[in-house]
Each structure stands twice: as C-alpha cells, then as structure tokens.
Amino acid sequence: MEADRPTIGEYTLTCKLGGGSSSTVWKAEHRTTGKVVALKQIDLLKLTRQLKSCLDCELSFLSSVKHPNIIRLFDVFQAENSIFLVLEFCDGGDLAAYIRDHGRVQECVARKFMKQIGAGLEVLSMHHIIHRDLKPENILLSTMETDPILKIADFGFSRLLNPNDLAETVCGSPFYMAPEILEFKKYDDKVDMWSLGAILFELLNGYPPFRGRTSVQVWEDDQL
C-alpha cells in the first residue's frame, strides 16, 4: 500500500535503483499525477568541495538542455539534508544490463547505439562540458522494447572545461578511463572519446577491453 511507502516531498519512493558513496537513485511516483520518475538523492553532508562543484555543473547543464540522448532534469528540491534531482525514468535500465542480457551485439546495433551516444556527446561539447565517467552503467535505455533511445546520465563527475584548458582530477571508472587520467596527467575532453571507444569494444565483444580490478592493474594491461 502507498501509505507504507516512504515519501519525499511530492513523491512516493517505490524502489532503489542504485547509488554510490554520496548519492542514491530511487524510482518514485508523483503523489498526485502518478508520473514515474527517477529521484537522485545527494547527501549534502558527504559533498566535498570538488563534488559540490561537479553538482553545480550537473544542475546548470541539465537544466539548460533538452535533447533525446541526454537524461532530462525536471525539478530540484531539498529535504532531509539532501538535494533531490527529479529525473526522467528510463524503463529499459542501463547499457551494462543490456550487454549482460544480450552479449555482444551486431555491428548494426552497435552503430546505432554509437550514433546516439555521439549525438549526446556533441551536446556536451557545445556546452564545453566533459562527463568523465562514461560507462555502460551511465548510459540508460528509454524502453525495454526493440528500439530504445540511449541517454547519457549521471553527470556527478562532470565539469566545465573551456577550450585550451586542461583538467587534472583523477576520476571515473578504471575500465573506461583514458590513459592520461590513469597516468595522472592533465587532460581535455578527448577522455570522453576514449571512454566511448571502450564502450564500443564492449558492445562488439561482450566484455571490456582491459582487465584488472584497480586502476593500476588496468593501466598495466593497457601497456601490454
């Protein structure tokens, strides 16, 4: 019964979708309209200065963009020492689950998926935003049907990077991190293209291009 479910603001939480060290993502329904959304809950007490800067970038970018291959941000509110991002809910899950279920995909499917992710990355480039954590878990599918729309999500490590500037913060997921990040070098928006290439490899083969459980092990495998 709905009365037994926790509520946050105008939303009833239905289940937990995932999360990390400072955030949790919930599936939720609007208590009046019944609209299904994803609520990203960010614990304010766990926000470092760097994560706060990334959150500001995420909110600024998503609130100004409406594109089919970028996750939609509908609203933002604060409650219970947390900031809640009201996001578009994607019924098809993420690309990581898709690969687990389907194994390697046909080239025509990989090409279609790459075009969609590339279209989203083009929007990021136009706004001088680097994502820095592109991976199958952060690519969502609009539906479980045969022709899903892919959407880039989770901009928790994103930042504004103006032309000719370089970033140096080490962040992301080892399997998809560009060599310059793994080597603690300064980098630009090309690191997102490296991640895109790693995703393409995984789509075509059913497994990531590198092995290892840590960034050091992945870097060593990359050198072979």
C-alpha atoms as a PDB file:
ATOM      1  CA  MET A   1       0.000   0.000   0.000  1.00  0.00           C
ATOM      2  CA  GLU A   2       1.160   3.552  -0.725  1.00  0.00           C
ATOM      3  CA  ALA A   3       0.731   4.500   2.945  1.00  0.00           C
ATOM      4  CA  ASP A   4       3.503   2.029   3.800  1.00  0.00           C
ATOM      5  CA  ARG A   5       5.949   3.511   1.300  1.00  0.00           C
ATOM      6  CA  PRO A   6       8.332   6.325   2.261  1.00  0.00           C
ATOM      7  CA  THR A   7       7.584   9.736   0.801  1.00  0.00           C
ATOM      8  CA  ILE A   8       9.900  12.605  -0.053  1.00  0.00           C
ATOM      9  CA  GLY A   9       8.317  15.920  -0.939  1.00  0.00           C
ATOM     10  CA  GLU A  10       5.656  15.268  -3.560  1.00  0.00           C
ATOM     11  CA  TYR A  11       6.985  11.791  -4.386  1.00  0.00           C
ATOM     12  CA  THR A  12       6.451   8.254  -3.126  1.00  0.00           C
ATOM     13  CA  LEU A  13       9.553   6.051  -3.295  1.00  0.00           C
ATOM     14  CA  THR A  14       8.866   2.654  -4.892  1.00  0.00           C
ATOM     15  CA  CYS A  15      12.313   1.026  -5.063  1.00  0.00           C
ATOM     16  CA  LYS A  16      16.037   1.714  -5.029  1.00  0.00           C
ATOM     17  CA  LEU A  17      17.686   1.767  -8.460  1.00  0.00           C
ATOM     18  CA  GLY A  18      21.315   2.217  -7.459  1.00  0.00           C
ATOM     19  CA  GLY A  19      23.756   4.643  -5.942  1.00  0.00           C
ATOM     20  CA  GLY A  20      27.274   5.444  -4.823  1.00  0.00           C
ATOM     21  CA  SER A  21      29.168   6.827  -1.843  1.00  0.00           C
ATOM     22  CA  SER A  22      27.322  10.156  -1.745  1.00  0.00           C
ATOM     23  CA  SER A  23      24.138   9.540  -3.725  1.00  0.00           C
ATOM     24  CA  THR A  24      21.234   7.125  -4.079  1.00  0.00           C
ATOM     25  CA  VAL A  25      18.854   6.805  -7.027  1.00  0.00           C
ATOM     26  CA  TRP A  26      15.221   5.852  -6.409  1.00  0.00           C
ATOM     27  CA  LYS A  27      12.298   5.002  -8.627  1.00  0.00           C
ATOM     28  CA  ALA A  28       9.422   7.179  -7.489  1.00  0.00           C
ATOM     29  CA  GLU A  29       5.893   8.281  -8.352  1.00  0.00           C
ATOM     30  CA  HIS A  30       4.395  11.731  -8.087  1.00  0.00           C
ATOM     31  CA  ARG A  31       1.738  11.520  -5.372  1.00  0.00           C
ATOM     32  CA  THR A  32      -0.828  13.485  -7.383  1.00  0.00           C
ATOM     33  CA  THR A  33      -0.199  12.751 -11.056  1.00  0.00           C
ATOM     34  CA  GLY A  34       1.262   9.249 -10.719  1.00  0.00           C
ATOM     35  CA  LYS A  35       4.136  10.202 -13.036  1.00  0.00           C
ATOM     36  CA  VAL A  36       7.079   7.824 -12.675  1.00  0.00           C
ATOM     37  CA  VAL A  37      10.480   9.481 -12.260  1.00  0.00           C
ATOM     38  CA  ALA A  38      13.976   8.737 -11.012  1.00  0.00           C
ATOM     39  CA  LEU A  39      14.976  10.619  -7.855  1.00  0.00           C
ATOM     40  CA  LYS A  40      18.701  11.141  -7.375  1.00  0.00           C
ATOM     41  CA  GLN A  41      19.303  11.814  -3.683  1.00  0.00           C
ATOM     42  CA  ILE A  42      22.611  13.533  -2.889  1.00  0.00           C
ATOM     43  CA  ASP A  43      23.726  13.650   0.736  1.00  0.00           C
ATOM     44  CA  LEU A  44      24.781  17.228   1.491  1.00  0.00           C
ATOM     45  CA  LEU A  45      26.941  16.099   4.411  1.00  0.00           C
ATOM     46  CA  LYS A  46      29.096  13.972   2.075  1.00  0.00           C
ATOM     47  CA  LEU A  47      29.680  16.653  -0.548  1.00  0.00           C
ATOM     48  CA  THR A  48      33.332  17.661  -0.787  1.00  0.00           C
ATOM     49  CA  ARG A  49      34.274  20.929  -2.462  1.00  0.00           C
ATOM     50  CA  GLN A  50      35.046  19.037  -5.668  1.00  0.00           C
ATOM     51  CA  LEU A  51      31.751  17.106  -5.636  1.00  0.00           C
ATOM     52  CA  LYS A  52      29.854  20.335  -4.906  1.00  0.00           C
ATOM     53  CA  SER A  53      31.488  21.902  -7.967  1.00  0.00           C
ATOM     54  CA  CYS A  54      30.502  18.865 -10.059  1.00  0.00           C
ATOM     55  CA  LEU A  55      26.920  19.056  -8.753  1.00  0.00           C
ATOM     56  CA  ASP A  56      26.692  22.737  -9.692  1.00  0.00           C
ATOM     57  CA  CYS A  57      27.913  21.833 -13.190  1.00  0.00           C
ATOM     58  CA  GLU A  58      25.413  18.973 -13.434  1.00  0.00           C
ATOM     59  CA  LEU A  59      22.479  21.166 -12.411  1.00  0.00           C
ATOM     60  CA  SER A  60      23.483  24.052 -14.659  1.00  0.00           C
ATOM     61  CA  PHE A  61      23.946  21.813 -17.685  1.00  0.00           C
ATOM     62  CA  LEU A  62      20.876  19.585 -17.301  1.00  0.00           C
ATOM     63  CA  SER A  63      18.565  22.495 -16.519  1.00  0.00           C
ATOM     64  CA  SER A  64      19.548  24.191 -19.792  1.00  0.00           C
ATOM     65  CA  VAL A  65      19.464  21.167 -22.120  1.00  0.00           C
ATOM     66  CA  LYS A  66      16.613  19.272 -23.720  1.00  0.00           C
ATOM     67  CA  HIS A  67      17.945  16.560 -26.020  1.00  0.00           C
ATOM     68  CA  PRO A  68      16.728  12.994 -26.674  1.00  0.00           C
ATOM     69  CA  ASN A  69      20.142  11.494 -25.853  1.00  0.00           C
ATOM     70  CA  ILE A  70      20.660  13.396 -22.584  1.00  0.00           C
ATOM     71  CA  ILE A  71      18.727  12.454 -19.448  1.00  0.00           C
ATOM     72  CA  ARG A  72      16.050  15.075 -18.634  1.00  0.00           C
ATOM     73  CA  LEU A  73      16.046  17.039 -15.382  1.00  0.00           C
ATOM     74  CA  PHE A  74      12.515  18.040 -14.372  1.00  0.00           C
ATOM     75  CA  ASP A  75      12.989  19.590 -10.957  1.00  0.00           C
ATOM     76  CA  VAL A  76      15.296  20.012  -7.962  1.00  0.00           C
ATOM     77  CA  PHE A  77      14.334  20.253  -4.305  1.00  0.00           C
ATOM     78  CA  GLN A  78      15.964  19.945  -0.887  1.00  0.00           C
ATOM     79  CA  ALA A  79      14.790  17.780   2.034  1.00  0.00           C
ATOM     80  CA  GLU A  80      16.268  15.774   4.907  1.00  0.00           C
ATOM     81  CA  ASN A  81      19.830  17.120   4.475  1.00  0.00           C
ATOM     82  CA  SER A  82      19.775  16.019   0.835  1.00  0.00           C
ATOM     83  CA  ILE A  83      19.318  17.527  -2.590  1.00  0.00           C
ATOM     84  CA  PHE A  84      16.923  15.602  -4.830  1.00  0.00           C
ATOM     85  CA  LEU A  85      17.161  15.708  -8.624  1.00  0.00           C
ATOM     86  CA  VAL A  86      13.891  14.739 -10.294  1.00  0.00           C
ATOM     87  CA  LEU A  87      14.996  12.962 -13.453  1.00  0.00           C
ATOM     88  CA  GLU A  88      13.463  11.178 -16.399  1.00  0.00           C
ATOM     89  CA  PHE A  89      12.877   7.489 -15.630  1.00  0.00           C
ATOM     90  CA  CYS A  90      14.192   5.060 -18.241  1.00  0.00           C
ATOM     91  CA  ASP A  91      12.313   1.762 -18.234  1.00  0.00           C
ATOM     92  CA  GLY A  92      14.994  -0.074 -20.226  1.00  0.00           C
ATOM     93  CA  GLY A  93      17.639   0.014 -17.490  1.00  0.00           C
ATOM     94  CA  ASP A  94      21.260   0.693 -18.392  1.00  0.00           C
ATOM     95  CA  LEU A  95      23.577  -0.429 -21.163  1.00  0.00           C
ATOM     96  CA  ALA A  96      25.579  -2.644 -18.791  1.00  0.00           C
ATOM     97  CA  ALA A  97      22.483  -4.753 -18.100  1.00  0.00           C
ATOM     98  CA  TYR A  98      21.699  -4.799 -21.819  1.00  0.00           C
ATOM     99  CA  ILE A  99      25.161  -6.208 -22.593  1.00  0.00           C
ATOM    100  CA  ARG A 100      24.836  -8.806 -19.825  1.00  0.00           C
ATOM    101  CA  ASP A 101      21.478  -9.917 -21.230  1.00  0.00           C
ATOM    102  CA  HIS A 102      22.380  -9.857 -24.936  1.00  0.00           C
ATOM    103  CA  GLY A 103      26.120 -10.491 -25.005  1.00  0.00           C
ATOM    104  CA  ARG A 104      27.940  -8.974 -27.956  1.00  0.00           C
ATOM    105  CA  VAL A 105      25.648  -7.150 -30.344  1.00  0.00           C
ATOM    106  CA  GLN A 106      25.537  -7.000 -34.115  1.00  0.00           C
ATOM    107  CA  GLU A 107      27.510  -4.225 -35.796  1.00  0.00           C
ATOM    108  CA  CYS A 108      24.337  -2.523 -36.999  1.00  0.00           C
ATOM    109  CA  VAL A 109      23.069  -2.284 -33.391  1.00  0.00           C
ATOM    110  CA  ALA A 110      26.444  -1.033 -32.127  1.00  0.00           C
ATOM    111  CA  ARG A 111      26.494   1.577 -34.900  1.00  0.00           C
ATOM    112  CA  LYS A 112      23.014   2.807 -33.966  1.00  0.00           C
ATOM    113  CA  PHE A 113      23.934   3.000 -30.282  1.00  0.00           C
ATOM    114  CA  MET A 114      27.185   4.840 -31.016  1.00  0.00           C
ATOM    115  CA  LYS A 115      25.384   7.427 -33.129  1.00  0.00           C
ATOM    116  CA  GLN A 116      23.032   8.165 -30.260  1.00  0.00           C
ATOM    117  CA  ILE A 117      25.744   8.434 -27.613  1.00  0.00           C
ATOM    118  CA  GLY A 118      27.809  10.524 -30.037  1.00  0.00           C
ATOM    119  CA  ALA A 119      24.872  12.889 -30.529  1.00  0.00           C
ATOM    120  CA  GLY A 120      24.687  13.352 -26.766  1.00  0.00           C
ATOM    121  CA  LEU A 121      28.439  13.964 -26.546  1.00  0.00           C
ATOM    122  CA  GLU A 122      28.136  16.599 -29.253  1.00  0.00           C
ATOM    123  CA  VAL A 123      25.736  18.497 -26.992  1.00  0.00           C
ATOM    124  CA  LEU A 124      28.227  18.271 -24.127  1.00  0.00           C
ATOM    125  CA  SER A 125      30.965  19.601 -26.402  1.00  0.00           C
ATOM    126  CA  MET A 126      28.800  22.542 -27.456  1.00  0.00           C
ATOM    127  CA  HIS A 127      28.431  23.470 -23.778  1.00  0.00           C
ATOM    128  CA  HIS A 128      32.137  22.798 -23.012  1.00  0.00           C
ATOM    129  CA  ILE A 129      31.207  20.016 -20.578  1.00  0.00           C
ATOM    130  CA  ILE A 130      33.271  16.872 -20.030  1.00  0.00           C
ATOM    131  CA  HIS A 131      31.462  13.911 -18.466  1.00  0.00           C
ATOM    132  CA  ARG A 132      34.488  11.986 -17.100  1.00  0.00           C
ATOM    133  CA  ASP A 133      32.518   8.874 -16.163  1.00  0.00           C
ATOM    134  CA  LEU A 134      31.109   7.500 -19.398  1.00  0.00           C
ATOM    135  CA  LYS A 135      30.481   3.764 -18.989  1.00  0.00           C
ATOM    136  CA  PRO A 136      27.643   1.345 -19.802  1.00  0.00           C
ATOM    137  CA  GLU A 137      26.142   1.842 -16.313  1.00  0.00           C
ATOM    138  CA  ASN A 138      25.708   5.550 -17.087  1.00  0.00           C
ATOM    139  CA  ILE A 139      24.033   5.034 -20.457  1.00  0.00           C
ATOM    140  CA  LEU A 140      20.294   4.486 -19.978  1.00  0.00           C
ATOM    141  CA  LEU A 141      17.768   2.916 -22.359  1.00  0.00           C
ATOM    142  CA  SER A 142      14.388   4.571 -22.710  1.00  0.00           C
ATOM    143  CA  THR A 143      12.487   1.301 -23.067  1.00  0.00           C
ATOM    144  CA  MET A 144      12.849  -2.474 -22.901  1.00  0.00           C
ATOM    145  CA  GLU A 145      11.386  -2.738 -26.402  1.00  0.00           C
ATOM    146  CA  THR A 146      13.413  -3.442 -29.538  1.00  0.00           C
ATOM    147  CA  ASP A 147      14.284   0.141 -30.484  1.00  0.00           C
ATOM    148  CA  PRO A 148      15.388   2.029 -27.346  1.00  0.00           C
ATOM    149  CA  ILE A 149      16.688   5.577 -27.220  1.00  0.00           C
ATOM    150  CA  LEU A 150      20.020   5.823 -25.394  1.00  0.00           C
ATOM    151  CA  LYS A 151      20.541   8.637 -22.911  1.00  0.00           C
ATOM    152  CA  ILE A 152      23.736   9.807 -21.227  1.00  0.00           C
ATOM    153  CA  ALA A 153      23.152  10.031 -17.469  1.00  0.00           C
ATOM    154  CA  ASP A 154      24.925  10.569 -14.129  1.00  0.00           C
ATOM    155  CA  PHE A 155      26.873  13.797 -14.512  1.00  0.00           C
ATOM    156  CA  GLY A 156      28.250  13.562 -10.965  1.00  0.00           C
ATOM    157  CA  PHE A 157      31.872  13.924 -12.183  1.00  0.00           C
ATOM    158  CA  SER A 158      31.158  16.406 -14.966  1.00  0.00           C
ATOM    159  CA  ARG A 159      32.773  19.817 -15.144  1.00  0.00           C
ATOM    160  CA  LEU A 160      33.023  22.858 -17.355  1.00  0.00           C
ATOM    161  CA  LEU A 161      36.235  22.868 -19.372  1.00  0.00           C
ATOM    162  CA  ASN A 162      36.760  25.828 -21.647  1.00  0.00           C
ATOM    163  CA  PRO A 163      38.753  25.455 -24.904  1.00  0.00           C
ATOM    164  CA  ASN A 164      42.521  25.205 -24.347  1.00  0.00           C
ATOM    165  CA  ASP A 165      42.040  24.469 -20.629  1.00  0.00           C
ATOM    166  CA  LEU A 166      43.069  21.186 -19.038  1.00  0.00           C
ATOM    167  CA  ALA A 167      41.742  19.184 -16.087  1.00  0.00           C
ATOM    168  CA  GLU A 168      43.828  17.089 -13.720  1.00  0.00           C
ATOM    169  CA  THR A 169      41.466  15.449 -11.208  1.00  0.00           C
ATOM    170  CA  VAL A 170      41.620  11.653 -11.321  1.00  0.00           C
ATOM    171  CA  CYS A 171      38.055  10.374 -11.524  1.00  0.00           C
ATOM    172  CA  GLY A 172      35.929   7.886 -13.422  1.00  0.00           C
ATOM    173  CA  SER A 173      35.858   4.099 -13.680  1.00  0.00           C
ATOM    174  CA  PRO A 174      39.144   2.249 -14.419  1.00  0.00           C
ATOM    175  CA  PHE A 175      37.854   0.129 -17.347  1.00  0.00           C
ATOM    176  CA  TYR A 176      36.821   3.283 -19.222  1.00  0.00           C
ATOM    177  CA  MET A 177      39.413   5.855 -18.077  1.00  0.00           C
ATOM    178  CA  ALA A 178      41.741   7.320 -20.672  1.00  0.00           C
ATOM    179  CA  PRO A 179      45.499   6.602 -20.299  1.00  0.00           C
ATOM    180  CA  GLU A 180      46.303  10.219 -19.419  1.00  0.00           C
ATOM    181  CA  ILE A 181      43.988  10.041 -16.390  1.00  0.00           C
ATOM    182  CA  LEU A 182      45.453   6.712 -15.278  1.00  0.00           C
ATOM    183  CA  GLU A 183      48.931   8.248 -15.616  1.00  0.00           C
ATOM    184  CA  PHE A 184      47.928  11.306 -13.520  1.00  0.00           C
ATOM    185  CA  LYS A 185      48.466  13.674 -16.436  1.00  0.00           C
ATOM    186  CA  LYS A 186      46.416  16.711 -17.372  1.00  0.00           C
ATOM    187  CA  TYR A 187      43.677  16.047 -19.921  1.00  0.00           C
ATOM    188  CA  ASP A 188      40.918  17.579 -22.034  1.00  0.00           C
ATOM    189  CA  ASP A 189      37.532  16.498 -23.396  1.00  0.00           C
ATOM    190  CA  LYS A 190      39.126  13.755 -25.503  1.00  0.00           C
ATOM    191  CA  VAL A 191      38.960  11.472 -22.457  1.00  0.00           C
ATOM    192  CA  ASP A 192      35.230  11.072 -23.136  1.00  0.00           C
ATOM    193  CA  MET A 193      36.017   9.833 -26.642  1.00  0.00           C
ATOM    194  CA  TRP A 194      38.355   7.200 -25.175  1.00  0.00           C
ATOM    195  CA  SER A 195      35.513   6.036 -22.921  1.00  0.00           C
ATOM    196  CA  LEU A 196      33.215   5.895 -25.928  1.00  0.00           C
ATOM    197  CA  GLY A 197      35.722   3.651 -27.720  1.00  0.00           C
ATOM    198  CA  ALA A 198      35.864   1.327 -24.707  1.00  0.00           C
ATOM    199  CA  ILE A 199      32.069   1.111 -24.716  1.00  0.00           C
ATOM    200  CA  LEU A 200      32.083   0.282 -28.431  1.00  0.00           C
ATOM    201  CA  PHE A 201      34.600  -2.521 -27.820  1.00  0.00           C
ATOM    202  CA  GLU A 202      32.379  -3.941 -25.068  1.00  0.00           C
ATOM    203  CA  LEU A 203      29.289  -3.810 -27.280  1.00  0.00           C
ATOM    204  CA  LEU A 204      31.042  -5.726 -30.064  1.00  0.00           C
ATOM    205  CA  ASN A 205      32.760  -8.275 -27.798  1.00  0.00           C
ATOM    206  CA  GLY A 206      30.555  -8.609 -24.733  1.00  0.00           C
ATOM    207  CA  TYR A 207      33.349  -7.684 -22.295  1.00  0.00           C
ATOM    208  CA  PRO A 208      35.534  -4.613 -21.555  1.00  0.00           C
ATOM    209  CA  PRO A 209      38.797  -4.086 -23.479  1.00  0.00           C
ATOM    210  CA  PHE A 210      41.007  -4.203 -20.383  1.00  0.00           C
ATOM    211  CA  ARG A 211      41.334  -6.424 -17.352  1.00  0.00           C
ATOM    212  CA  GLY A 212      42.070  -5.713 -13.685  1.00  0.00           C
ATOM    213  CA  ARG A 213      40.232  -4.678 -10.559  1.00  0.00           C
ATOM    214  CA  THR A 214      42.157  -1.472  -9.869  1.00  0.00           C
ATOM    215  CA  SER A 215      43.274   1.483 -11.974  1.00  0.00           C
ATOM    216  CA  VAL A 216      46.892   0.283 -11.671  1.00  0.00           C
ATOM    217  CA  GLN A 217      46.022  -3.193 -12.989  1.00  0.00           C
ATOM    218  CA  VAL A 218      44.020  -1.675 -15.858  1.00  0.00           C
ATOM    219  CA  TRP A 219      46.910   0.662 -16.708  1.00  0.00           C
ATOM    220  CA  GLU A 220      49.340  -2.280 -16.728  1.00  0.00           C
ATOM    221  CA  ASP A 221      47.025  -4.242 -19.036  1.00  0.00           C
ATOM    222  CA  ASP A 222      46.768  -1.208 -21.325  1.00  0.00           C
ATOM    223  CA  GLN A 223      50.562  -1.241 -21.711  1.00  0.00           C
ATOM    224  CA  LEU A 224      50.690  -4.840 -22.986  1.00  0.00           C
END
